[in-house]
Amino acid sequence: MHIGLNPLLRKAIAALCLLMASVPALAQTTDERQARGDAVVRSLNGGASQPVLERMRKEFPFLAEATEAYALGDVWSRPGLDDKSRQLAAVAAFAALGEPAFLKVHAGYALNVGVSESALKEIVYLTTVTAGFPKAIAASQALAEIFAERRAVGAGEPLP
């Protein structure tokens, strides 16, 4: 027994098959995504891996892999923003969220890609308006720590 399809449905199925055949495979392996994420970190961190991510990999390997593949490999590597803009956005977000540990990581990356110390300070000043003084003060303390660490390595010279 042959079940006939409605001619309109047959055309729709044919069009869908043709469309699916013409779309390049978008899926990538987790290894490829992680490799892209690792390249992002190394480009922001002077060729070095990210210590926070490496510590996380030991106790929470799934979380580390997901962070590296999705956050870094899929999102952070997207075109559309340059590294300076992306880091300023991250610093602002972590300041507003009250996440000084992440703020320090991304402020370090920001400094590595040429964001000035004064630009990072402006983020803190903006945080007073968007998230309040307590979060801005916490952000200022985190930035002061990273500035001090960088100055100690750079023989006391102010950062650009």
N, C-alpha and C. Protein backbone atom coordinates (compact mmCIF):
# COMPACT_ATOMS: atom_id res chain seq x y z
N MET A 1 0.84 -1.17 0.00
CA MET A 1 0.00 0.00 0.00
C MET A 1 0.89 1.24 0.00
N HIS A 2 0.62 2.17 -0.87
CA HIS A 2 1.40 3.39 -1.02
C HIS A 2 0.59 4.56 -0.45
N ILE A 3 1.22 5.28 0.45
CA ILE A 3 0.56 6.45 1.03
C ILE A 3 1.07 7.67 0.27
N GLY A 4 0.21 8.36 -0.39
CA GLY A 4 0.59 9.54 -1.16
C GLY A 4 0.67 10.77 -0.27
N LEU A 5 1.67 11.61 -0.54
CA LEU A 5 1.80 12.86 0.19
C LEU A 5 1.14 13.98 -0.59
N ASN A 6 0.62 14.90 0.13
CA ASN A 6 0.08 16.10 -0.46
C ASN A 6 1.19 16.77 -1.27
N PRO A 7 0.93 17.20 -2.50
CA PRO A 7 1.98 17.81 -3.32
C PRO A 7 2.65 19.01 -2.66
N LEU A 8 1.90 19.80 -1.92
CA LEU A 8 2.48 20.95 -1.22
C LEU A 8 3.44 20.48 -0.13
N LEU A 9 3.06 19.45 0.61
CA LEU A 9 3.92 18.90 1.65
C LEU A 9 5.18 18.31 1.03
N ARG A 10 5.02 17.63 -0.12
CA ARG A 10 6.17 17.04 -0.81
C ARG A 10 7.16 18.14 -1.21
N LYS A 11 6.66 19.27 -1.71
CA LYS A 11 7.53 20.39 -2.10
C LYS A 11 8.24 20.99 -0.87
N ALA A 12 7.49 21.09 0.21
CA ALA A 12 8.08 21.65 1.43
C ALA A 12 9.21 20.75 1.94
N ILE A 13 8.99 19.45 1.92
CA ILE A 13 10.03 18.51 2.37
C ILE A 13 11.24 18.59 1.45
N ALA A 14 11.01 18.66 0.15
CA ALA A 14 12.11 18.76 -0.80
C ALA A 14 12.91 20.04 -0.57
N ALA A 15 12.21 21.15 -0.33
CA ALA A 15 12.89 22.43 -0.08
C ALA A 15 13.70 22.37 1.21
N LEU A 16 13.14 21.75 2.23
CA LEU A 16 13.85 21.62 3.49
C LEU A 16 15.11 20.77 3.33
N CYS A 17 15.00 19.68 2.60
CA CYS A 17 16.17 18.82 2.35
C CYS A 17 17.24 19.58 1.58
N LEU A 18 16.83 20.34 0.58
CA LEU A 18 17.77 21.13 -0.20
C LEU A 18 18.45 22.18 0.68
N LEU A 19 17.68 22.84 1.53
CA LEU A 19 18.22 23.84 2.44
C LEU A 19 19.22 23.22 3.40
N MET A 20 18.85 22.08 3.98
CA MET A 20 19.74 21.43 4.95
C MET A 20 21.03 20.97 4.29
N ALA A 21 20.96 20.55 3.04
CA ALA A 21 22.16 20.10 2.34
C ALA A 21 23.09 21.28 2.02
N SER A 22 22.52 22.47 1.88
CA SER A 22 23.34 23.62 1.50
C SER A 22 23.94 24.36 2.69
N VAL A 23 23.49 24.07 3.92
CA VAL A 23 24.00 24.74 5.11
C VAL A 23 25.27 24.02 5.57
N PRO A 24 26.37 24.76 5.71
CA PRO A 24 27.59 24.11 6.18
C PRO A 24 27.42 23.62 7.61
N ALA A 25 28.16 22.62 7.95
CA ALA A 25 28.09 22.08 9.31
C ALA A 25 28.58 23.13 10.28
N LEU A 26 27.73 23.52 11.22
CA LEU A 26 28.08 24.54 12.20
C LEU A 26 28.66 23.92 13.46
N ALA A 27 28.30 22.70 13.70
CA ALA A 27 28.75 22.05 14.93
C ALA A 27 30.25 21.78 14.85
N GLN A 28 30.90 22.02 15.94
CA GLN A 28 32.31 21.73 16.04
C GLN A 28 32.51 20.83 17.24
N THR A 29 33.59 20.12 17.24
CA THR A 29 33.85 19.25 18.37
C THR A 29 34.20 20.08 19.59
N THR A 30 34.01 19.49 20.74
CA THR A 30 34.38 20.17 21.98
C THR A 30 35.87 20.48 21.98
N ASP A 31 36.67 19.56 21.45
CA ASP A 31 38.12 19.80 21.40
C ASP A 31 38.46 21.04 20.58
N GLU A 32 37.77 21.23 19.44
CA GLU A 32 38.01 22.41 18.62
C GLU A 32 37.60 23.68 19.35
N ARG A 33 36.48 23.63 20.03
CA ARG A 33 35.99 24.79 20.78
C ARG A 33 36.93 25.10 21.94
N GLN A 34 37.41 24.06 22.63
CA GLN A 34 38.35 24.28 23.73
C GLN A 34 39.67 24.84 23.22
N ALA A 35 40.13 24.35 22.08
CA ALA A 35 41.38 24.87 21.51
C ALA A 35 41.24 26.35 21.18
N ARG A 36 40.08 26.73 20.66
CA ARG A 36 39.83 28.14 20.37
C ARG A 36 39.80 28.95 21.67
N GLY A 37 39.18 28.40 22.71
CA GLY A 37 39.15 29.06 24.01
C GLY A 37 40.54 29.22 24.60
N ASP A 38 41.35 28.18 24.48
CA ASP A 38 42.73 28.25 24.97
C ASP A 38 43.51 29.33 24.22
N ALA A 39 43.28 29.43 22.92
CA ALA A 39 43.96 30.46 22.12
C ALA A 39 43.54 31.86 22.56
N VAL A 40 42.26 32.03 22.91
CA VAL A 40 41.79 33.33 23.40
C VAL A 40 42.53 33.70 24.68
N VAL A 41 42.58 32.77 25.64
CA VAL A 41 43.25 33.04 26.92
C VAL A 41 44.71 33.39 26.68
N ARG A 42 45.38 32.60 25.88
CA ARG A 42 46.81 32.83 25.66
C ARG A 42 47.05 34.16 24.94
N SER A 43 46.14 34.56 24.05
CA SER A 43 46.31 35.85 23.37
C SER A 43 46.14 37.01 24.33
N LEU A 44 45.31 36.84 25.34
CA LEU A 44 45.07 37.90 26.33
C LEU A 44 46.08 37.89 27.47
N ASN A 45 46.73 36.75 27.66
CA ASN A 45 47.57 36.55 28.83
C ASN A 45 49.04 36.37 28.47
N GLY A 46 49.47 37.00 27.40
CA GLY A 46 50.89 36.96 27.04
C GLY A 46 51.42 35.58 26.75
N GLY A 47 50.59 34.71 26.20
CA GLY A 47 51.00 33.36 25.85
C GLY A 47 50.85 32.35 26.96
N ALA A 48 50.50 32.79 28.14
CA ALA A 48 50.37 31.88 29.29
C ALA A 48 48.93 31.38 29.42
N SER A 49 48.80 30.25 30.08
CA SER A 49 47.46 29.74 30.39
C SER A 49 46.87 30.56 31.53
N GLN A 50 45.62 30.33 31.84
CA GLN A 50 44.93 31.06 32.92
C GLN A 50 44.97 30.21 34.19
N PRO A 51 45.69 30.67 35.23
CA PRO A 51 45.81 29.88 36.46
C PRO A 51 44.47 29.51 37.10
N VAL A 52 43.50 30.41 37.06
CA VAL A 52 42.18 30.11 37.65
C VAL A 52 41.55 28.94 36.92
N LEU A 53 41.62 28.96 35.61
CA LEU A 53 41.05 27.88 34.79
C LEU A 53 41.80 26.57 35.03
N GLU A 54 43.11 26.65 35.16
CA GLU A 54 43.90 25.43 35.38
C GLU A 54 43.60 24.83 36.76
N ARG A 55 43.42 25.65 37.78
CA ARG A 55 43.04 25.13 39.11
C ARG A 55 41.66 24.48 39.04
N MET A 56 40.75 25.13 38.34
CA MET A 56 39.40 24.60 38.21
C MET A 56 39.42 23.26 37.47
N ARG A 57 40.29 23.12 36.50
CA ARG A 57 40.39 21.90 35.71
C ARG A 57 40.71 20.68 36.58
N LYS A 58 41.45 20.89 37.66
CA LYS A 58 41.82 19.78 38.55
C LYS A 58 40.65 19.23 39.34
N GLU A 59 39.83 20.10 39.91
CA GLU A 59 38.73 19.67 40.77
C GLU A 59 37.38 19.64 40.07
N PHE A 60 37.21 20.49 39.07
CA PHE A 60 35.93 20.62 38.38
C PHE A 60 36.17 20.58 36.87
N PRO A 61 36.62 19.45 36.34
CA PRO A 61 37.00 19.39 34.93
C PRO A 61 35.86 19.74 33.97
N PHE A 62 34.64 19.32 34.29
CA PHE A 62 33.52 19.64 33.40
C PHE A 62 33.30 21.15 33.33
N LEU A 63 33.35 21.81 34.48
CA LEU A 63 33.16 23.26 34.51
C LEU A 63 34.28 23.98 33.76
N ALA A 64 35.50 23.51 33.91
CA ALA A 64 36.62 24.10 33.19
C ALA A 64 36.46 23.92 31.68
N GLU A 65 36.07 22.72 31.27
CA GLU A 65 35.88 22.45 29.84
C GLU A 65 34.74 23.31 29.28
N ALA A 66 33.65 23.42 30.03
CA ALA A 66 32.52 24.22 29.57
C ALA A 66 32.90 25.69 29.47
N THR A 67 33.65 26.19 30.44
CA THR A 67 34.10 27.57 30.43
C THR A 67 35.00 27.81 29.22
N GLU A 68 35.93 26.91 29.02
CA GLU A 68 36.88 27.08 27.92
C GLU A 68 36.19 26.95 26.56
N ALA A 69 35.30 25.98 26.42
CA ALA A 69 34.65 25.75 25.12
C ALA A 69 33.58 26.79 24.83
N TYR A 70 32.69 27.03 25.80
CA TYR A 70 31.59 27.96 25.53
C TYR A 70 31.98 29.42 25.75
N ALA A 71 32.31 29.76 27.00
CA ALA A 71 32.55 31.18 27.31
C ALA A 71 33.70 31.74 26.49
N LEU A 72 34.78 30.99 26.40
CA LEU A 72 35.96 31.49 25.68
C LEU A 72 35.94 31.12 24.20
N GLY A 73 35.71 29.84 23.92
CA GLY A 73 35.78 29.36 22.53
C GLY A 73 34.64 29.83 21.66
N ASP A 74 33.42 29.89 22.22
CA ASP A 74 32.26 30.29 21.42
C ASP A 74 31.96 31.78 21.53
N VAL A 75 31.93 32.31 22.75
CA VAL A 75 31.49 33.69 22.95
C VAL A 75 32.66 34.67 22.84
N TRP A 76 33.70 34.45 23.61
CA TRP A 76 34.79 35.42 23.67
C TRP A 76 35.51 35.55 22.33
N SER A 77 35.49 34.52 21.53
CA SER A 77 36.22 34.56 20.25
C SER A 77 35.37 35.13 19.11
N ARG A 78 34.14 35.54 19.40
CA ARG A 78 33.28 36.10 18.36
C ARG A 78 33.85 37.41 17.81
N PRO A 79 33.61 37.65 16.52
CA PRO A 79 34.01 38.95 15.97
C PRO A 79 33.01 40.01 16.45
N GLY A 80 33.33 41.25 16.25
CA GLY A 80 32.38 42.30 16.58
C GLY A 80 32.88 43.28 17.62
N LEU A 81 33.72 42.83 18.52
CA LEU A 81 34.35 43.72 19.50
C LEU A 81 35.84 43.46 19.47
N ASP A 82 36.61 44.53 19.61
CA ASP A 82 38.05 44.34 19.74
C ASP A 82 38.35 43.93 21.18
N ASP A 83 39.57 43.48 21.42
CA ASP A 83 39.95 42.99 22.75
C ASP A 83 39.80 44.05 23.83
N LYS A 84 40.15 45.29 23.52
CA LYS A 84 40.03 46.35 24.53
C LYS A 84 38.58 46.57 24.93
N SER A 85 37.70 46.66 23.95
CA SER A 85 36.27 46.87 24.25
C SER A 85 35.70 45.70 25.04
N ARG A 86 36.05 44.50 24.64
CA ARG A 86 35.55 43.30 25.33
C ARG A 86 36.01 43.28 26.79
N GLN A 87 37.27 43.65 27.02
CA GLN A 87 37.79 43.64 28.39
C GLN A 87 37.17 44.75 29.24
N LEU A 88 36.98 45.92 28.65
CA LEU A 88 36.32 47.00 29.39
C LEU A 88 34.90 46.59 29.78
N ALA A 89 34.20 45.94 28.86
CA ALA A 89 32.85 45.47 29.17
C ALA A 89 32.87 44.44 30.29
N ALA A 90 33.83 43.54 30.24
CA ALA A 90 33.93 42.51 31.28
C ALA A 90 34.26 43.12 32.63
N VAL A 91 35.20 44.05 32.65
CA VAL A 91 35.57 44.71 33.91
C VAL A 91 34.36 45.44 34.49
N ALA A 92 33.63 46.15 33.64
CA ALA A 92 32.45 46.87 34.11
C ALA A 92 31.40 45.90 34.67
N ALA A 93 31.18 44.80 33.97
CA ALA A 93 30.19 43.82 34.43
C ALA A 93 30.59 43.21 35.76
N PHE A 94 31.84 42.82 35.89
CA PHE A 94 32.28 42.20 37.14
C PHE A 94 32.32 43.21 38.29
N ALA A 95 32.62 44.46 37.98
CA ALA A 95 32.56 45.50 39.01
C ALA A 95 31.12 45.66 39.49
N ALA A 96 30.18 45.75 38.56
CA ALA A 96 28.78 45.93 38.91
C ALA A 96 28.20 44.73 39.64
N LEU A 97 28.70 43.54 39.31
CA LEU A 97 28.23 42.33 39.98
C LEU A 97 28.88 42.12 41.34
N GLY A 98 29.93 42.88 41.62
CA GLY A 98 30.64 42.70 42.88
C GLY A 98 31.48 41.44 42.89
N GLU A 99 32.15 41.16 41.77
CA GLU A 99 32.98 39.97 41.62
C GLU A 99 34.45 40.37 41.46
N PRO A 100 35.11 40.74 42.57
CA PRO A 100 36.48 41.26 42.45
C PRO A 100 37.49 40.25 41.90
N ALA A 101 37.32 38.97 42.16
CA ALA A 101 38.28 38.00 41.65
C ALA A 101 38.25 37.97 40.12
N PHE A 102 37.06 37.94 39.55
CA PHE A 102 36.94 37.95 38.09
C PHE A 102 37.34 39.31 37.52
N LEU A 103 37.03 40.37 38.25
CA LEU A 103 37.42 41.70 37.83
C LEU A 103 38.95 41.77 37.69
N LYS A 104 39.67 41.21 38.66
CA LYS A 104 41.13 41.25 38.61
C LYS A 104 41.66 40.49 37.39
N VAL A 105 41.09 39.33 37.10
CA VAL A 105 41.54 38.56 35.94
C VAL A 105 41.36 39.39 34.67
N HIS A 106 40.17 39.96 34.50
CA HIS A 106 39.89 40.70 33.27
C HIS A 106 40.56 42.06 33.24
N ALA A 107 40.80 42.68 34.38
CA ALA A 107 41.58 43.91 34.40
C ALA A 107 43.02 43.62 33.98
N GLY A 108 43.54 42.48 34.41
CA GLY A 108 44.88 42.07 33.97
C GLY A 108 44.93 41.88 32.46
N TYR A 109 43.92 41.21 31.92
CA TYR A 109 43.85 41.06 30.46
C TYR A 109 43.74 42.43 29.78
N ALA A 110 42.92 43.30 30.36
CA ALA A 110 42.73 44.63 29.79
C ALA A 110 44.07 45.37 29.71
N LEU A 111 44.82 45.32 30.80
CA LEU A 111 46.14 45.96 30.80
C LEU A 111 47.05 45.31 29.76
N ASN A 112 46.95 43.98 29.62
CA ASN A 112 47.78 43.27 28.64
C ASN A 112 47.49 43.69 27.21
N VAL A 113 46.26 44.07 26.92
CA VAL A 113 45.90 44.43 25.54
C VAL A 113 45.92 45.94 25.31
N GLY A 114 46.43 46.70 26.29
CA GLY A 114 46.64 48.12 26.07
C GLY A 114 45.63 49.07 26.68
N VAL A 115 44.71 48.58 27.50
CA VAL A 115 43.79 49.47 28.21
C VAL A 115 44.59 50.19 29.29
N SER A 116 44.37 51.47 29.43
CA SER A 116 45.14 52.25 30.40
C SER A 116 44.56 52.09 31.81
N GLU A 117 45.41 52.35 32.77
CA GLU A 117 45.01 52.36 34.17
C GLU A 117 43.90 53.39 34.39
N SER A 118 44.02 54.54 33.74
CA SER A 118 43.00 55.58 33.92
C SER A 118 41.65 55.14 33.35
N ALA A 119 41.64 54.40 32.27
CA ALA A 119 40.37 53.90 31.71
C ALA A 119 39.72 52.91 32.68
N LEU A 120 40.51 52.07 33.31
CA LEU A 120 39.96 51.13 34.29
C LEU A 120 39.41 51.88 35.51
N LYS A 121 40.08 52.95 35.90
CA LYS A 121 39.57 53.76 37.01
C LYS A 121 38.22 54.39 36.65
N GLU A 122 38.06 54.80 35.39
CA GLU A 122 36.79 55.37 34.95
C GLU A 122 35.65 54.35 35.08
N ILE A 123 35.97 53.08 34.86
CA ILE A 123 34.97 52.02 35.04
C ILE A 123 34.48 52.02 36.49
N VAL A 124 35.41 52.17 37.42
CA VAL A 124 35.04 52.21 38.84
C VAL A 124 34.12 53.39 39.11
N TYR A 125 34.46 54.54 38.56
CA TYR A 125 33.62 55.72 38.79
C TYR A 125 32.21 55.50 38.23
N LEU A 126 32.11 54.89 37.06
CA LEU A 126 30.80 54.58 36.48
C LEU A 126 30.03 53.58 37.34
N THR A 127 30.74 52.69 37.98
CA THR A 127 30.10 51.68 38.81
C THR A 127 29.34 52.31 39.97
N THR A 128 29.79 53.47 40.43
CA THR A 128 29.04 54.14 41.51
C THR A 128 27.62 54.45 41.08
N VAL A 129 27.45 54.78 39.80
CA VAL A 129 26.13 55.13 39.28
C VAL A 129 25.31 53.88 38.98
N THR A 130 25.92 52.88 38.37
CA THR A 130 25.18 51.71 37.91
C THR A 130 24.95 50.67 38.99
N ALA A 131 25.86 50.56 39.94
CA ALA A 131 25.74 49.48 40.92
C ALA A 131 25.91 49.94 42.37
N GLY A 132 26.31 51.19 42.59
CA GLY A 132 26.42 51.71 43.94
C GLY A 132 27.85 51.80 44.44
N PHE A 133 27.99 52.58 45.49
CA PHE A 133 29.31 52.82 46.07
C PHE A 133 29.97 51.57 46.65
N PRO A 134 29.25 50.69 47.36
CA PRO A 134 29.94 49.51 47.90
C PRO A 134 30.62 48.66 46.82
N LYS A 135 29.94 48.46 45.71
CA LYS A 135 30.55 47.65 44.63
C LYS A 135 31.68 48.41 43.96
N ALA A 136 31.53 49.72 43.82
CA ALA A 136 32.61 50.51 43.24
C ALA A 136 33.84 50.50 44.14
N ILE A 137 33.62 50.58 45.43
CA ILE A 137 34.75 50.55 46.37
C ILE A 137 35.44 49.19 46.33
N ALA A 138 34.66 48.11 46.28
CA ALA A 138 35.25 46.77 46.16
C ALA A 138 36.04 46.66 44.86
N ALA A 139 35.50 47.20 43.78
CA ALA A 139 36.20 47.17 42.49
C ALA A 139 37.48 47.98 42.56
N SER A 140 37.44 49.14 43.23
CA SER A 140 38.64 49.97 43.34
C SER A 140 39.73 49.24 44.11
N GLN A 141 39.34 48.50 45.14
CA GLN A 141 40.33 47.74 45.91
C GLN A 141 40.95 46.63 45.08
N ALA A 142 40.13 45.96 44.28
CA ALA A 142 40.66 44.90 43.41
C ALA A 142 41.61 45.48 42.37
N LEU A 143 41.23 46.61 41.79
CA LEU A 143 42.11 47.24 40.81
C LEU A 143 43.39 47.74 41.46
N ALA A 144 43.29 48.32 42.66
CA ALA A 144 44.49 48.79 43.35
C ALA A 144 45.46 47.64 43.58
N GLU A 145 44.93 46.46 43.89
CA GLU A 145 45.80 45.29 44.09
C GLU A 145 46.52 44.92 42.80
N ILE A 146 45.79 44.87 41.70
CA ILE A 146 46.45 44.49 40.45
C ILE A 146 47.42 45.57 39.98
N PHE A 147 47.08 46.83 40.19
CA PHE A 147 48.01 47.91 39.84
C PHE A 147 49.30 47.78 40.66
N ALA A 148 49.15 47.52 41.96
CA ALA A 148 50.33 47.37 42.83
C ALA A 148 51.18 46.18 42.40
N GLU A 149 50.52 45.07 42.07
CA GLU A 149 51.28 43.89 41.61
C GLU A 149 52.05 44.20 40.34
N ARG A 150 51.40 44.87 39.40
CA ARG A 150 52.04 45.21 38.13
C ARG A 150 53.17 46.22 38.34
N ARG A 151 52.98 47.19 39.23
CA ARG A 151 54.02 48.18 39.48
C ARG A 151 55.23 47.53 40.14
N ALA A 152 54.99 46.57 41.02
CA ALA A 152 56.10 45.88 41.69
C ALA A 152 56.97 45.15 40.67
N VAL A 153 56.33 44.57 39.68
CA VAL A 153 57.07 43.87 38.62
C VAL A 153 57.76 44.87 37.71
N GLY A 154 57.10 46.03 37.47
CA GLY A 154 57.64 47.04 36.56
C GLY A 154 58.50 48.08 37.23
N ALA A 155 59.05 47.79 38.40
CA ALA A 155 59.96 48.70 39.13
C ALA A 155 59.28 50.03 39.49
N GLY A 156 58.01 49.95 39.85
CA GLY A 156 57.31 51.13 40.36
C GLY A 156 56.79 52.10 39.33
N GLU A 157 56.96 51.81 38.05
CA GLU A 157 56.48 52.72 37.02
C GLU A 157 54.96 52.64 36.92
N PRO A 158 54.30 53.79 36.71
CA PRO A 158 52.85 53.74 36.51
C PRO A 158 52.51 53.00 35.23
N LEU A 159 51.36 52.37 35.25
CA LEU A 159 50.91 51.66 34.06
C LEU A 159 50.40 52.66 33.03
N PRO A 160 50.44 52.28 31.76
CA PRO A 160 49.97 53.20 30.72
C PRO A 160 48.50 53.52 30.90
